[in-house]
Protein backbone atom coordinates (compact mmCIF):
# COMPACT_ATOMS: atom_id res chain seq x y z
CA UNK A 1 0.21 0.13 -0.04
CA UNK A 2 1.56 3.35 -0.83
CA UNK A 3 0.65 6.67 1.15
CA UNK A 4 0.94 10.38 0.01
CA UNK A 5 1.02 13.61 1.61
CA UNK A 6 -0.92 16.15 0.34
CA UNK A 7 -0.39 20.01 0.19
CA UNK A 8 3.29 20.35 1.32
CA UNK A 9 4.18 23.83 0.14
CA UNK A 10 8.08 24.64 0.11
CA UNK A 11 9.16 28.37 -0.56
CA UNK A 12 12.34 29.30 -1.13
CA UNK A 13 13.42 32.94 -2.01
CA UNK A 14 15.46 34.08 -4.84
CA UNK A 15 18.89 34.58 -2.64
CA UNK A 16 18.53 30.76 -1.71
CA UNK A 17 17.22 29.37 -5.04
CA UNK A 18 20.30 27.31 -5.51
CA UNK A 19 19.52 24.96 -2.51
CA UNK A 20 16.15 24.07 -3.92
CA UNK A 21 16.90 20.57 -5.36
CA UNK A 22 18.45 20.08 -1.89
CA UNK A 23 15.42 21.12 0.05
CA UNK A 24 12.99 18.92 -2.32
CA UNK A 25 15.67 15.41 -1.66
CA UNK A 26 15.36 16.74 2.08
CA UNK A 27 11.39 16.69 2.05
CA UNK A 28 11.81 13.56 -0.03
CA UNK A 29 13.55 11.65 2.16
CA UNK A 30 11.69 13.05 5.55
CA UNK A 31 8.56 11.78 3.46
CA UNK A 32 10.15 8.06 2.93
CA UNK A 33 11.36 8.02 6.92
CA UNK A 34 6.98 8.43 7.52
CA UNK A 35 6.19 5.92 5.14
CA UNK A 36 4.97 8.32 2.48
CA UNK A 37 6.13 8.96 -0.92
CA UNK A 38 6.78 12.68 -3.01
CA UNK A 39 4.70 11.93 -6.00
CA UNK A 40 7.26 14.05 -8.55
CA UNK A 41 4.69 13.54 -11.54
CA UNK A 42 1.87 15.50 -9.64
CA UNK A 43 4.28 18.15 -7.95
CA UNK A 44 4.78 21.66 -9.67
CA UNK A 45 7.76 24.13 -9.05
CA UNK A 46 6.31 27.58 -9.72
CA UNK A 47 8.58 30.40 -10.41
CA UNK A 48 7.16 33.97 -9.52
CA UNK A 49 8.65 36.88 -11.75
CA UNK A 50 8.53 40.59 -11.09
CA UNK A 51 6.55 42.53 -14.05
CA UNK A 52 8.83 43.22 -17.03
CA UNK A 53 8.86 46.93 -16.21
CA UNK A 54 10.80 46.55 -13.01
CA UNK A 55 12.56 43.25 -13.38
CA UNK A 56 16.19 42.88 -14.17
CA UNK A 57 17.07 40.27 -16.72
CA UNK A 58 18.03 37.22 -14.62
CA UNK A 59 18.69 33.57 -15.62
CA UNK A 60 16.40 31.36 -13.69
CA UNK A 61 17.96 28.13 -11.36
CA UNK A 62 18.22 24.97 -13.09
CA UNK A 63 14.69 23.43 -12.80
CA UNK A 64 14.37 20.43 -9.99
CA UNK A 65 14.78 16.82 -11.85
CA UNK A 66 11.49 15.21 -12.46
CA UNK A 67 9.22 17.67 -11.29
CA UNK A 68 7.74 20.23 -14.02
CA UNK A 69 8.34 24.18 -13.94
CA UNK A 70 5.95 26.67 -14.74
CA UNK A 71 7.01 30.54 -14.58
CA UNK A 72 4.09 32.81 -13.88
């Protein structure tokens, strides 16, 4: 039997964007330790951007492997 955790949110500011993959792996390890699974197929990475007029040209961090990225 498989169990899944519902509605888990991970918020990472731009200044720590390079830790995103490690944070997701930590959540996955914690889930596994509690007999749960992180379903990467149903997971989304949402990157929020400022409006173009106020935004500096930035390169987004690498996407988390196995998780779909949406840019808003």
